[in-house]
mmCIF file of all heavy atoms, coordinates in Angstrom:
data_MODEL
# 
_entry.id   MODEL 
# 
loop_
_atom_site.group_PDB 
_atom_site.id 
_atom_site.type_symbol 
_atom_site.label_atom_id 
_atom_site.label_alt_id 
_atom_site.label_comp_id 
_atom_site.label_asym_id 
_atom_site.label_entity_id 
_atom_site.label_seq_id 
_atom_site.pdbx_PDB_ins_code 
_atom_site.Cartn_x 
_atom_site.Cartn_y 
_atom_site.Cartn_z 
_atom_site.occupancy 
_atom_site.B_iso_or_equiv 
_atom_site.pdbx_formal_charge 
_atom_site.auth_seq_id 
_atom_site.auth_comp_id 
_atom_site.auth_asym_id 
_atom_site.auth_atom_id 
_atom_site.pdbx_PDB_model_num 
ATOM 1   N N   . ILE A 1 1  ? -150.069 -13.263 92.765  1.00 0.00 ? 1  ILE A N   1 
ATOM 2   C CA  . ILE A 1 1  ? -149.851 -12.666 94.010  1.00 0.00 ? 1  ILE A CA  1 
ATOM 3   C C   . ILE A 1 1  ? -148.293 -12.819 94.330  1.00 0.00 ? 1  ILE A C   1 
ATOM 4   O O   . ILE A 1 1  ? -147.889 -14.039 94.319  1.00 0.00 ? 1  ILE A O   1 
ATOM 5   C CB  . ILE A 1 1  ? -150.746 -13.145 95.145  1.00 0.00 ? 1  ILE A CB  1 
ATOM 6   C CG1 . ILE A 1 1  ? -152.226 -12.916 94.908  1.00 0.00 ? 1  ILE A CG1 1 
ATOM 7   C CG2 . ILE A 1 1  ? -150.217 -12.462 96.571  1.00 0.00 ? 1  ILE A CG2 1 
ATOM 8   C CD1 . ILE A 1 1  ? -153.193 -13.048 96.002  1.00 0.00 ? 1  ILE A CD1 1 
ATOM 9   N N   . VAL A 1 2  ? -147.594 -11.823 94.756  1.00 0.00 ? 2  VAL A N   1 
ATOM 10  C CA  . VAL A 1 2  ? -146.174 -11.992 94.958  1.00 0.00 ? 2  VAL A CA  1 
ATOM 11  C C   . VAL A 1 2  ? -145.812 -11.404 96.325  1.00 0.00 ? 2  VAL A C   1 
ATOM 12  O O   . VAL A 1 2  ? -146.421 -10.445 96.847  1.00 0.00 ? 2  VAL A O   1 
ATOM 13  C CB  . VAL A 1 2  ? -145.333 -11.245 93.871  1.00 0.00 ? 2  VAL A CB  1 
ATOM 14  C CG1 . VAL A 1 2  ? -145.600 -11.718 92.549  1.00 0.00 ? 2  VAL A CG1 1 
ATOM 15  C CG2 . VAL A 1 2  ? -145.481 -9.767  93.912  1.00 0.00 ? 2  VAL A CG2 1 
ATOM 16  N N   . SER A 1 3  ? -144.857 -12.128 97.008  1.00 0.00 ? 3  SER A N   1 
ATOM 17  C CA  . SER A 1 3  ? -144.428 -11.720 98.268  1.00 0.00 ? 3  SER A CA  1 
ATOM 18  C C   . SER A 1 3  ? -142.894 -11.929 98.343  1.00 0.00 ? 3  SER A C   1 
ATOM 19  O O   . SER A 1 3  ? -142.497 -13.047 98.179  1.00 0.00 ? 3  SER A O   1 
ATOM 20  C CB  . SER A 1 3  ? -145.009 -12.584 99.288  1.00 0.00 ? 3  SER A CB  1 
ATOM 21  O OG  . SER A 1 3  ? -144.393 -12.358 100.606 1.00 0.00 ? 3  SER A OG  1 
ATOM 22  N N   . THR A 1 4  ? -142.104 -10.785 98.273  1.00 0.00 ? 4  THR A N   1 
ATOM 23  C CA  . THR A 1 4  ? -140.599 -10.942 98.253  1.00 0.00 ? 4  THR A CA  1 
ATOM 24  C C   . THR A 1 4  ? -139.995 -10.479 99.469  1.00 0.00 ? 4  THR A C   1 
ATOM 25  O O   . THR A 1 4  ? -140.467 -9.312  99.971  1.00 0.00 ? 4  THR A O   1 
ATOM 26  C CB  . THR A 1 4  ? -140.102 -10.225 96.980  1.00 0.00 ? 4  THR A CB  1 
ATOM 27  O OG1 . THR A 1 4  ? -140.408 -8.843  96.960  1.00 0.00 ? 4  THR A OG1 1 
ATOM 28  C CG2 . THR A 1 4  ? -140.601 -10.914 95.680  1.00 0.00 ? 4  THR A CG2 1 
ATOM 29  N N   . GLY A 1 5  ? -138.926 -11.035 100.028 1.00 0.00 ? 5  GLY A N   1 
ATOM 30  C CA  . GLY A 1 5  ? -138.330 -10.579 101.182 1.00 0.00 ? 5  GLY A CA  1 
ATOM 31  C C   . GLY A 1 5  ? -139.187 -10.458 102.455 1.00 0.00 ? 5  GLY A C   1 
ATOM 32  O O   . GLY A 1 5  ? -138.925 -9.638  103.324 1.00 0.00 ? 5  GLY A O   1 
ATOM 33  N N   . VAL A 1 6  ? -140.069 -11.343 102.560 1.00 0.00 ? 6  VAL A N   1 
ATOM 34  C CA  . VAL A 1 6  ? -141.010 -11.363 103.720 1.00 0.00 ? 6  VAL A CA  1 
ATOM 35  C C   . VAL A 1 6  ? -140.813 -12.569 104.513 1.00 0.00 ? 6  VAL A C   1 
ATOM 36  O O   . VAL A 1 6  ? -140.869 -12.579 105.804 1.00 0.00 ? 6  VAL A O   1 
ATOM 37  C CB  . VAL A 1 6  ? -142.446 -11.188 103.198 1.00 0.00 ? 6  VAL A CB  1 
ATOM 38  C CG1 . VAL A 1 6  ? -143.398 -11.217 104.504 1.00 0.00 ? 6  VAL A CG1 1 
ATOM 39  C CG2 . VAL A 1 6  ? -142.566 -9.720  102.562 1.00 0.00 ? 6  VAL A CG2 1 
ATOM 40  N N   . SER A 1 7  ? -140.818 -13.799 103.897 1.00 0.00 ? 7  SER A N   1 
ATOM 41  C CA  . SER A 1 7  ? -140.976 -15.059 104.546 1.00 0.00 ? 7  SER A CA  1 
ATOM 42  C C   . SER A 1 7  ? -140.035 -15.265 105.753 1.00 0.00 ? 7  SER A C   1 
ATOM 43  O O   . SER A 1 7  ? -140.341 -15.882 106.733 1.00 0.00 ? 7  SER A O   1 
ATOM 44  C CB  . SER A 1 7  ? -140.834 -16.256 103.501 1.00 0.00 ? 7  SER A CB  1 
ATOM 45  O OG  . SER A 1 7  ? -139.613 -16.320 102.967 1.00 0.00 ? 7  SER A OG  1 
ATOM 46  N N   . MET A 1 8  ? -138.717 -14.761 105.515 1.00 0.00 ? 8  MET A N   1 
ATOM 47  C CA  . MET A 1 8  ? -137.826 -15.013 106.602 1.00 0.00 ? 8  MET A CA  1 
ATOM 48  C C   . MET A 1 8  ? -138.111 -14.272 107.962 1.00 0.00 ? 8  MET A C   1 
ATOM 49  O O   . MET A 1 8  ? -137.596 -14.689 108.992 1.00 0.00 ? 8  MET A O   1 
ATOM 50  C CB  . MET A 1 8  ? -136.323 -14.619 106.113 1.00 0.00 ? 8  MET A CB  1 
ATOM 51  C CG  . MET A 1 8  ? -136.225 -13.191 105.830 1.00 0.00 ? 8  MET A CG  1 
ATOM 52  S SD  . MET A 1 8  ? -136.801 -12.811 104.152 1.00 0.00 ? 8  MET A SD  1 
ATOM 53  C CE  . MET A 1 8  ? -135.787 -11.380 103.787 1.00 0.00 ? 8  MET A CE  1 
ATOM 54  N N   . TYR A 1 9  ? -138.968 -13.249 107.905 1.00 0.00 ? 9  TYR A N   1 
ATOM 55  C CA  . TYR A 1 9  ? -139.298 -12.506 109.070 1.00 0.00 ? 9  TYR A CA  1 
ATOM 56  C C   . TYR A 1 9  ? -140.528 -13.118 109.764 1.00 0.00 ? 9  TYR A C   1 
ATOM 57  O O   . TYR A 1 9  ? -140.956 -12.612 110.833 1.00 0.00 ? 9  TYR A O   1 
ATOM 58  C CB  . TYR A 1 9  ? -139.606 -11.010 108.690 1.00 0.00 ? 9  TYR A CB  1 
ATOM 59  C CG  . TYR A 1 9  ? -138.433 -10.357 108.143 1.00 0.00 ? 9  TYR A CG  1 
ATOM 60  C CD1 . TYR A 1 9  ? -138.372 -9.851  106.833 1.00 0.00 ? 9  TYR A CD1 1 
ATOM 61  C CD2 . TYR A 1 9  ? -137.295 -10.158 108.930 1.00 0.00 ? 9  TYR A CD2 1 
ATOM 62  C CE1 . TYR A 1 9  ? -137.265 -9.221  106.278 1.00 0.00 ? 9  TYR A CE1 1 
ATOM 63  C CE2 . TYR A 1 9  ? -136.118 -9.377  108.379 1.00 0.00 ? 9  TYR A CE2 1 
ATOM 64  C CZ  . TYR A 1 9  ? -136.157 -9.037  107.058 1.00 0.00 ? 9  TYR A CZ  1 
ATOM 65  O OH  . TYR A 1 9  ? -135.105 -8.374  106.553 1.00 0.00 ? 9  TYR A OH  1 
ATOM 66  N N   . LEU A 1 10 ? -141.101 -14.145 109.160 1.00 0.00 ? 10 LEU A N   1 
ATOM 67  C CA  . LEU A 1 10 ? -142.297 -14.752 109.688 1.00 0.00 ? 10 LEU A CA  1 
ATOM 68  C C   . LEU A 1 10 ? -142.054 -16.179 110.266 1.00 0.00 ? 10 LEU A C   1 
ATOM 69  O O   . LEU A 1 10 ? -140.978 -16.780 109.736 1.00 0.00 ? 10 LEU A O   1 
ATOM 70  C CB  . LEU A 1 10 ? -143.486 -14.921 108.580 1.00 0.00 ? 10 LEU A CB  1 
ATOM 71  C CG  . LEU A 1 10 ? -143.864 -13.716 107.801 1.00 0.00 ? 10 LEU A CG  1 
ATOM 72  C CD1 . LEU A 1 10 ? -144.730 -14.034 106.675 1.00 0.00 ? 10 LEU A CD1 1 
ATOM 73  C CD2 . LEU A 1 10 ? -144.335 -12.601 108.681 1.00 0.00 ? 10 LEU A CD2 1 
ATOM 74  N N   . THR A 1 11 ? -142.723 -16.580 111.225 1.00 0.00 ? 11 THR A N   1 
ATOM 75  C CA  . THR A 1 11 ? -142.577 -17.999 111.754 1.00 0.00 ? 11 THR A CA  1 
ATOM 76  C C   . THR A 1 11 ? -142.931 -18.956 110.656 1.00 0.00 ? 11 THR A C   1 
ATOM 77  O O   . THR A 1 11 ? -143.707 -18.617 109.759 1.00 0.00 ? 11 THR A O   1 
ATOM 78  C CB  . THR A 1 11 ? -143.390 -18.188 113.051 1.00 0.00 ? 11 THR A CB  1 
ATOM 79  O OG1 . THR A 1 11 ? -144.695 -18.152 112.697 1.00 0.00 ? 11 THR A OG1 1 
ATOM 80  C CG2 . THR A 1 11 ? -143.049 -17.159 114.128 1.00 0.00 ? 11 THR A CG2 1 
ATOM 81  N N   . LYS A 1 12 ? -142.489 -20.156 110.791 1.00 0.00 ? 12 LYS A N   1 
ATOM 82  C CA  . LYS A 1 12 ? -142.956 -21.262 109.881 1.00 0.00 ? 12 LYS A CA  1 
ATOM 83  C C   . LYS A 1 12 ? -144.417 -21.395 109.989 1.00 0.00 ? 12 LYS A C   1 
ATOM 84  O O   . LYS A 1 12 ? -145.081 -21.776 108.898 1.00 0.00 ? 12 LYS A O   1 
ATOM 85  C CB  . LYS A 1 12 ? -142.110 -22.512 110.082 1.00 0.00 ? 12 LYS A CB  1 
ATOM 86  C CG  . LYS A 1 12 ? -140.596 -22.286 109.691 1.00 0.00 ? 12 LYS A CG  1 
ATOM 87  C CD  . LYS A 1 12 ? -139.952 -23.654 109.572 1.00 0.00 ? 12 LYS A CD  1 
ATOM 88  C CE  . LYS A 1 12 ? -138.508 -23.380 109.153 1.00 0.00 ? 12 LYS A CE  1 
ATOM 89  N NZ  . LYS A 1 12 ? -137.636 -24.442 108.804 1.00 0.00 ? 12 LYS A NZ  1 
ATOM 90  N N   . GLU A 1 13 ? -144.993 -21.346 111.095 1.00 0.00 ? 13 GLU A N   1 
ATOM 91  C CA  . GLU A 1 13 ? -146.461 -21.545 111.269 1.00 0.00 ? 13 GLU A CA  1 
ATOM 92  C C   . GLU A 1 13 ? -147.255 -20.472 110.422 1.00 0.00 ? 13 GLU A C   1 
ATOM 93  O O   . GLU A 1 13 ? -148.153 -20.675 109.815 1.00 0.00 ? 13 GLU A O   1 
ATOM 94  C CB  . GLU A 1 13 ? -146.914 -21.405 112.765 1.00 0.00 ? 13 GLU A CB  1 
ATOM 95  C CG  . GLU A 1 13 ? -146.387 -22.573 113.599 1.00 0.00 ? 13 GLU A CG  1 
ATOM 96  C CD  . GLU A 1 13 ? -144.861 -22.571 113.944 1.00 0.00 ? 13 GLU A CD  1 
ATOM 97  O OE1 . GLU A 1 13 ? -144.251 -21.435 113.841 1.00 0.00 ? 13 GLU A OE1 1 
ATOM 98  O OE2 . GLU A 1 13 ? -144.407 -23.610 114.340 1.00 0.00 ? 13 GLU A OE2 1 
ATOM 99  N N   . THR A 1 14 ? -146.688 -19.126 110.570 1.00 0.00 ? 14 THR A N   1 
ATOM 100 C CA  . THR A 1 14 ? -147.376 -18.070 109.784 1.00 0.00 ? 14 THR A CA  1 
ATOM 101 C C   . THR A 1 14 ? -147.137 -18.223 108.375 1.00 0.00 ? 14 THR A C   1 
ATOM 102 O O   . THR A 1 14 ? -148.123 -17.940 107.623 1.00 0.00 ? 14 THR A O   1 
ATOM 103 C CB  . THR A 1 14 ? -146.800 -16.687 110.294 1.00 0.00 ? 14 THR A CB  1 
ATOM 104 O OG1 . THR A 1 14 ? -146.995 -16.581 111.721 1.00 0.00 ? 14 THR A OG1 1 
ATOM 105 C CG2 . THR A 1 14 ? -147.474 -15.517 109.533 1.00 0.00 ? 14 THR A CG2 1 
ATOM 106 N N   . ASN A 1 15 ? -145.978 -18.697 107.877 1.00 0.00 ? 15 ASN A N   1 
ATOM 107 C CA  . ASN A 1 15 ? -145.758 -18.975 106.456 1.00 0.00 ? 15 ASN A CA  1 
ATOM 108 C C   . ASN A 1 15 ? -146.772 -20.043 106.062 1.00 0.00 ? 15 ASN A C   1 
ATOM 109 O O   . ASN A 1 15 ? -147.291 -19.889 104.908 1.00 0.00 ? 15 ASN A O   1 
ATOM 110 C CB  . ASN A 1 15 ? -144.302 -19.395 106.236 1.00 0.00 ? 15 ASN A CB  1 
ATOM 111 C CG  . ASN A 1 15 ? -143.404 -18.260 106.109 1.00 0.00 ? 15 ASN A CG  1 
ATOM 112 O OD1 . ASN A 1 15 ? -143.471 -17.426 105.152 1.00 0.00 ? 15 ASN A OD1 1 
ATOM 113 N ND2 . ASN A 1 15 ? -142.390 -18.159 106.981 1.00 0.00 ? 15 ASN A ND2 1 
ATOM 114 N N   . MET A 1 16 ? -146.989 -21.012 106.900 1.00 0.00 ? 16 MET A N   1 
ATOM 115 C CA  . MET A 1 16 ? -147.889 -22.136 106.439 1.00 0.00 ? 16 MET A CA  1 
ATOM 116 C C   . MET A 1 16 ? -149.319 -21.567 106.286 1.00 0.00 ? 16 MET A C   1 
ATOM 117 O O   . MET A 1 16 ? -150.026 -21.942 105.414 1.00 0.00 ? 16 MET A O   1 
ATOM 118 C CB  . MET A 1 16 ? -147.853 -23.222 107.425 1.00 0.00 ? 16 MET A CB  1 
ATOM 119 C CG  . MET A 1 16 ? -148.632 -24.457 107.085 1.00 0.00 ? 16 MET A CG  1 
ATOM 120 S SD  . MET A 1 16 ? -148.144 -25.249 105.486 1.00 0.00 ? 16 MET A SD  1 
ATOM 121 C CE  . MET A 1 16 ? -149.355 -26.446 105.230 1.00 0.00 ? 16 MET A CE  1 
ATOM 122 N N   . THR A 1 17 ? -149.701 -20.660 107.298 1.00 0.00 ? 17 THR A N   1 
ATOM 123 C CA  . THR A 1 17 ? -151.038 -20.081 107.232 1.00 0.00 ? 17 THR A CA  1 
ATOM 124 C C   . THR A 1 17 ? -151.232 -19.307 105.944 1.00 0.00 ? 17 THR A C   1 
ATOM 125 O O   . THR A 1 17 ? -152.267 -19.311 105.274 1.00 0.00 ? 17 THR A O   1 
ATOM 126 C CB  . THR A 1 17 ? -151.269 -19.204 108.438 1.00 0.00 ? 17 THR A CB  1 
ATOM 127 O OG1 . THR A 1 17 ? -151.144 -20.030 109.650 1.00 0.00 ? 17 THR A OG1 1 
ATOM 128 C CG2 . THR A 1 17 ? -152.621 -18.569 108.379 1.00 0.00 ? 17 THR A CG2 1 
ATOM 129 N N   . THR A 1 18 ? -150.203 -18.630 105.586 1.00 0.00 ? 18 THR A N   1 
ATOM 130 C CA  . THR A 1 18 ? -150.246 -17.789 104.331 1.00 0.00 ? 18 THR A CA  1 
ATOM 131 C C   . THR A 1 18 ? -150.379 -18.725 103.128 1.00 0.00 ? 18 THR A C   1 
ATOM 132 O O   . THR A 1 18 ? -151.211 -18.410 102.299 1.00 0.00 ? 18 THR A O   1 
ATOM 133 C CB  . THR A 1 18 ? -148.925 -16.937 104.222 1.00 0.00 ? 18 THR A CB  1 
ATOM 134 O OG1 . THR A 1 18 ? -148.706 -16.049 105.270 1.00 0.00 ? 18 THR A OG1 1 
ATOM 135 C CG2 . THR A 1 18 ? -148.954 -16.144 102.912 1.00 0.00 ? 18 THR A CG2 1 
ATOM 136 N N   . LEU A 1 19 ? -149.670 -19.755 103.126 1.00 0.00 ? 19 LEU A N   1 
ATOM 137 C CA  . LEU A 1 19 ? -149.744 -20.736 101.962 1.00 0.00 ? 19 LEU A CA  1 
ATOM 138 C C   . LEU A 1 19 ? -151.238 -21.276 101.880 1.00 0.00 ? 19 LEU A C   1 
ATOM 139 O O   . LEU A 1 19 ? -151.757 -21.443 100.834 1.00 0.00 ? 19 LEU A O   1 
ATOM 140 C CB  . LEU A 1 19 ? -148.726 -21.838 102.092 1.00 0.00 ? 19 LEU A CB  1 
ATOM 141 C CG  . LEU A 1 19 ? -147.186 -21.485 101.831 1.00 0.00 ? 19 LEU A CG  1 
ATOM 142 C CD1 . LEU A 1 19 ? -146.326 -22.523 102.273 1.00 0.00 ? 19 LEU A CD1 1 
ATOM 143 C CD2 . LEU A 1 19 ? -147.079 -21.212 100.355 1.00 0.00 ? 19 LEU A CD2 1 
ATOM 144 N N   . GLN A 1 20 ? -151.712 -21.607 103.077 1.00 0.00 ? 20 GLN A N   1 
ATOM 145 C CA  . GLN A 1 20 ? -153.122 -22.251 103.002 1.00 0.00 ? 20 GLN A CA  1 
ATOM 146 C C   . GLN A 1 20 ? -154.113 -21.180 102.565 1.00 0.00 ? 20 GLN A C   1 
ATOM 147 O O   . GLN A 1 20 ? -155.080 -21.625 101.760 1.00 0.00 ? 20 GLN A O   1 
ATOM 148 C CB  . GLN A 1 20 ? -153.465 -22.607 104.485 1.00 0.00 ? 20 GLN A CB  1 
ATOM 149 C CG  . GLN A 1 20 ? -152.683 -23.906 104.957 1.00 0.00 ? 20 GLN A CG  1 
ATOM 150 C CD  . GLN A 1 20 ? -152.808 -24.194 106.420 1.00 0.00 ? 20 GLN A CD  1 
ATOM 151 O OE1 . GLN A 1 20 ? -153.054 -23.224 107.256 1.00 0.00 ? 20 GLN A OE1 1 
ATOM 152 N NE2 . GLN A 1 20 ? -152.660 -25.392 106.879 1.00 0.00 ? 20 GLN A NE2 1 
ATOM 153 N N   . GLN A 1 21 ? -153.841 -19.914 102.853 1.00 0.00 ? 21 GLN A N   1 
ATOM 154 C CA  . GLN A 1 21 ? -154.831 -18.849 102.463 1.00 0.00 ? 21 GLN A CA  1 
ATOM 155 C C   . GLN A 1 21 ? -154.706 -18.649 100.979 1.00 0.00 ? 21 GLN A C   1 
ATOM 156 O O   . GLN A 1 21 ? -155.656 -18.553 100.216 1.00 0.00 ? 21 GLN A O   1 
ATOM 157 C CB  . GLN A 1 21 ? -154.329 -17.560 103.107 1.00 0.00 ? 21 GLN A CB  1 
ATOM 158 C CG  . GLN A 1 21 ? -155.324 -16.447 103.175 1.00 0.00 ? 21 GLN A CG  1 
ATOM 159 C CD  . GLN A 1 21 ? -154.953 -15.259 104.008 1.00 0.00 ? 21 GLN A CD  1 
ATOM 160 O OE1 . GLN A 1 21 ? -153.831 -15.267 104.494 1.00 0.00 ? 21 GLN A OE1 1 
ATOM 161 N NE2 . GLN A 1 21 ? -155.871 -14.429 104.319 1.00 0.00 ? 21 GLN A NE2 1 
ATOM 162 N N   . MET A 1 22 ? -153.455 -18.737 100.458 1.00 0.00 ? 22 MET A N   1 
ATOM 163 C CA  . MET A 1 22 ? -153.109 -18.525 98.989  1.00 0.00 ? 22 MET A CA  1 
ATOM 164 C C   . MET A 1 22 ? -153.689 -19.771 98.175  1.00 0.00 ? 22 MET A C   1 
ATOM 165 O O   . MET A 1 22 ? -154.065 -19.527 97.011  1.00 0.00 ? 22 MET A O   1 
ATOM 166 C CB  . MET A 1 22 ? -151.760 -18.372 98.756  1.00 0.00 ? 22 MET A CB  1 
ATOM 167 C CG  . MET A 1 22 ? -151.044 -17.136 99.382  1.00 0.00 ? 22 MET A CG  1 
ATOM 168 S SD  . MET A 1 22 ? -151.782 -15.601 98.787  1.00 0.00 ? 22 MET A SD  1 
ATOM 169 C CE  . MET A 1 22 ? -150.985 -14.386 99.752  1.00 0.00 ? 22 MET A CE  1 
ATOM 170 N N   . ALA A 1 23 ? -153.650 -20.869 98.684  1.00 0.00 ? 23 ALA A N   1 
ATOM 171 C CA  . ALA A 1 23 ? -154.063 -22.058 98.053  1.00 0.00 ? 23 ALA A CA  1 
ATOM 172 C C   . ALA A 1 23 ? -155.648 -22.086 97.708  1.00 0.00 ? 23 ALA A C   1 
ATOM 173 O O   . ALA A 1 23 ? -156.150 -22.836 96.876  1.00 0.00 ? 23 ALA A O   1 
ATOM 174 C CB  . ALA A 1 23 ? -153.715 -23.339 98.680  1.00 0.00 ? 23 ALA A CB  1 
ATOM 175 N N   . LYS A 1 24 ? -156.379 -21.178 98.424  1.00 0.00 ? 24 LYS A N   1 
ATOM 176 C CA  . LYS A 1 24 ? -157.788 -20.873 98.162  1.00 0.00 ? 24 LYS A CA  1 
ATOM 177 C C   . LYS A 1 24 ? -158.090 -20.032 97.053  1.00 0.00 ? 24 LYS A C   1 
ATOM 178 O O   . LYS A 1 24 ? -159.303 -19.726 96.753  1.00 0.00 ? 24 LYS A O   1 
ATOM 179 C CB  . LYS A 1 24 ? -158.470 -20.513 99.457  1.00 0.00 ? 24 LYS A CB  1 
ATOM 180 C CG  . LYS A 1 24 ? -158.315 -21.576 100.585 1.00 0.00 ? 24 LYS A CG  1 
ATOM 181 C CD  . LYS A 1 24 ? -158.940 -21.095 101.909 1.00 0.00 ? 24 LYS A CD  1 
ATOM 182 C CE  . LYS A 1 24 ? -158.765 -22.062 103.045 1.00 0.00 ? 24 LYS A CE  1 
ATOM 183 N NZ  . LYS A 1 24 ? -159.170 -21.529 104.390 1.00 0.00 ? 24 LYS A NZ  1 
ATOM 184 N N   . LEU A 1 25 ? -157.046 -19.392 96.464  1.00 0.00 ? 25 LEU A N   1 
ATOM 185 C CA  . LEU A 1 25 ? -157.336 -18.523 95.383  1.00 0.00 ? 25 LEU A CA  1 
ATOM 186 C C   . LEU A 1 25 ? -158.024 -19.192 94.234  1.00 0.00 ? 25 LEU A C   1 
ATOM 187 O O   . LEU A 1 25 ? -157.922 -20.442 94.085  1.00 0.00 ? 25 LEU A O   1 
ATOM 188 C CB  . LEU A 1 25 ? -155.993 -17.879 94.850  1.00 0.00 ? 25 LEU A CB  1 
ATOM 189 C CG  . LEU A 1 25 ? -155.302 -16.898 95.824  1.00 0.00 ? 25 LEU A CG  1 
ATOM 190 C CD1 . LEU A 1 25 ? -153.825 -16.667 95.334  1.00 0.00 ? 25 LEU A CD1 1 
ATOM 191 C CD2 . LEU A 1 25 ? -156.020 -15.516 95.887  1.00 0.00 ? 25 LEU A CD2 1 
ATOM 192 N N   . ALA A 1 26 ? -158.656 -18.487 93.334  1.00 0.00 ? 26 ALA A N   1 
ATOM 193 C CA  . ALA A 1 26 ? -159.320 -19.080 92.134  1.00 0.00 ? 26 ALA A CA  1 
ATOM 194 C C   . ALA A 1 26 ? -158.402 -19.784 91.310  1.00 0.00 ? 26 ALA A C   1 
ATOM 195 O O   . ALA A 1 26 ? -157.174 -19.523 91.277  1.00 0.00 ? 26 ALA A O   1 
ATOM 196 C CB  . ALA A 1 26 ? -159.878 -17.883 91.328  1.00 0.00 ? 26 ALA A CB  1 
# 
């Protein structure tokens, strides 16, 4: 899963939520 040019437009809290979501991948 790739995400380019997005993280800077999100708050650090939202970035953390995304990372937590991704860490649950298979």
